[in-house]
C-alpha cells in the first residue's frame, strides 16, 4: 500500500475528504518525525512505539578487498509493535 492508497482508506473509514485525510496523515507523520528528532519517543497504546536507536561506531569489512573500514556512529528510527498489533497480525 502506498501513501495515496492509505489516504483513500483513511478517507473511506473516517468520512473525511481525501484532501483532509492527506492533511491529517501528513500532520501525524510530521509530528512523529519532529518528536523523534527532539529525542523523545512516540507511544501509541495498542499500536506500538516509535523510538530512535543509537548505533555505536564499529569496524566493518569491505567484501571485495577484505579491508577493514570504520563505520561511524549513527542514529536510526525504530518501531516496536504493541501487544494488540502483534496479536492481530499473528492470527
Protein backbone atom coordinates (compact mmCIF):
# COMPACT_ATOMS: atom_id res chain seq x y z
CA UNK A 1 0.00 0.00 0.00
CA UNK A 2 1.39 3.40 -0.92
CA UNK A 3 0.53 6.80 0.54
CA UNK A 4 -2.25 7.52 -1.98
CA UNK A 5 -3.96 4.22 -1.20
CA UNK A 6 -3.57 4.83 2.54
CA UNK A 7 -5.14 8.29 2.21
CA UNK A 8 -8.04 6.72 0.30
CA UNK A 9 -8.61 4.11 3.05
CA UNK A 10 -8.43 6.78 5.75
CA UNK A 11 -10.99 8.89 3.86
CA UNK A 12 -13.29 5.89 3.44
CA UNK A 13 -13.08 4.82 7.11
CA UNK A 14 -13.28 8.29 8.64
CA UNK A 15 -15.79 10.01 6.37
CA UNK A 16 -13.32 12.82 5.69
CA UNK A 17 -12.45 14.01 2.21
CA UNK A 18 -9.26 12.69 0.63
CA UNK A 19 -7.71 16.15 0.90
CA UNK A 20 -8.50 16.38 4.63
CA UNK A 21 -7.30 12.80 5.16
CA UNK A 22 -4.00 13.59 3.46
CA UNK A 23 -3.57 16.70 5.64
CA UNK A 24 -4.25 14.63 8.77
CA UNK A 25 -1.80 11.90 7.72
CA UNK A 26 0.89 14.46 6.85
CA UNK A 27 0.37 16.22 10.19
CA UNK A 28 0.64 12.93 12.10
CA UNK A 29 3.82 11.89 10.27
CA UNK A 30 5.38 15.35 10.67
CA UNK A 31 4.59 15.33 14.40
CA UNK A 32 6.08 11.86 14.88
CA UNK A 33 9.20 12.89 12.95
CA UNK A 34 9.64 16.13 14.91
CA UNK A 35 9.18 14.31 18.21
CA UNK A 36 11.80 11.71 17.28
CA UNK A 37 14.20 14.47 16.20
CA UNK A 38 13.82 16.10 19.62
CA UNK A 39 14.94 12.85 21.27
CA UNK A 40 11.57 11.73 22.61
CA UNK A 41 9.70 8.55 21.80
CA UNK A 42 6.13 8.31 20.49
CA UNK A 43 3.95 5.67 22.12
CA UNK A 44 0.56 4.81 20.63
CA UNK A 45 -1.10 2.40 23.04
CA UNK A 46 -2.14 -0.81 21.29
CA UNK A 47 -0.21 0.07 18.13
CA UNK A 48 3.43 0.48 19.07
CA UNK A 49 6.36 2.69 19.97
CA UNK A 50 8.44 4.82 17.62
CA UNK A 51 11.91 5.49 19.02
CA UNK A 52 15.43 6.45 17.96
CA UNK A 53 18.22 3.95 18.49
CA UNK A 54 21.88 4.98 18.63
CA UNK A 55 24.31 2.67 16.85
CA UNK A 56 27.87 2.68 18.15
CA UNK A 57 30.80 3.06 15.78
CA UNK A 58 32.24 -0.23 14.60
CA UNK A 59 34.74 -1.82 12.29
CA UNK A 60 33.38 -3.44 9.12
CA UNK A 61 34.97 -5.23 6.19
CA UNK A 62 34.91 -4.41 2.50
CA UNK A 63 33.67 -7.70 0.98
CA UNK A 64 35.79 -7.31 -2.17
CA UNK A 65 39.14 -6.39 -0.63
CA UNK A 66 38.62 -7.68 2.93
CA UNK A 67 39.99 -4.32 4.05
CA UNK A 68 38.82 -3.07 7.46
CA UNK A 69 36.74 0.10 7.30
CA UNK A 70 35.46 2.32 10.07
CA UNK A 71 31.68 2.66 10.25
CA UNK A 72 30.74 5.83 12.17
CA UNK A 73 28.13 6.06 14.93
CA UNK A 74 24.62 6.88 13.73
CA UNK A 75 21.02 7.15 14.88
CA UNK A 76 18.26 5.09 13.26
CA UNK A 77 14.47 5.14 13.71
CA UNK A 78 12.99 2.08 15.35
CA UNK A 79 9.44 0.73 15.69
CA UNK A 80 8.34 -1.80 18.30
CA UNK A 81 4.82 -3.13 17.70
CA UNK A 82 2.43 -3.13 20.65
CA UNK A 83 0.88 -6.26 22.09
CA UNK A 84 -2.53 -5.67 20.45
CA UNK A 85 -0.97 -5.19 16.98
CA UNK A 86 1.21 -8.30 17.40
CA UNK A 87 -1.84 -10.36 18.41
CA UNK A 88 -3.91 -9.13 15.45
CA UNK A 89 -1.12 -9.89 12.96
CA UNK A 90 -0.42 -13.32 14.47
CA UNK A 91 -3.98 -14.53 13.78
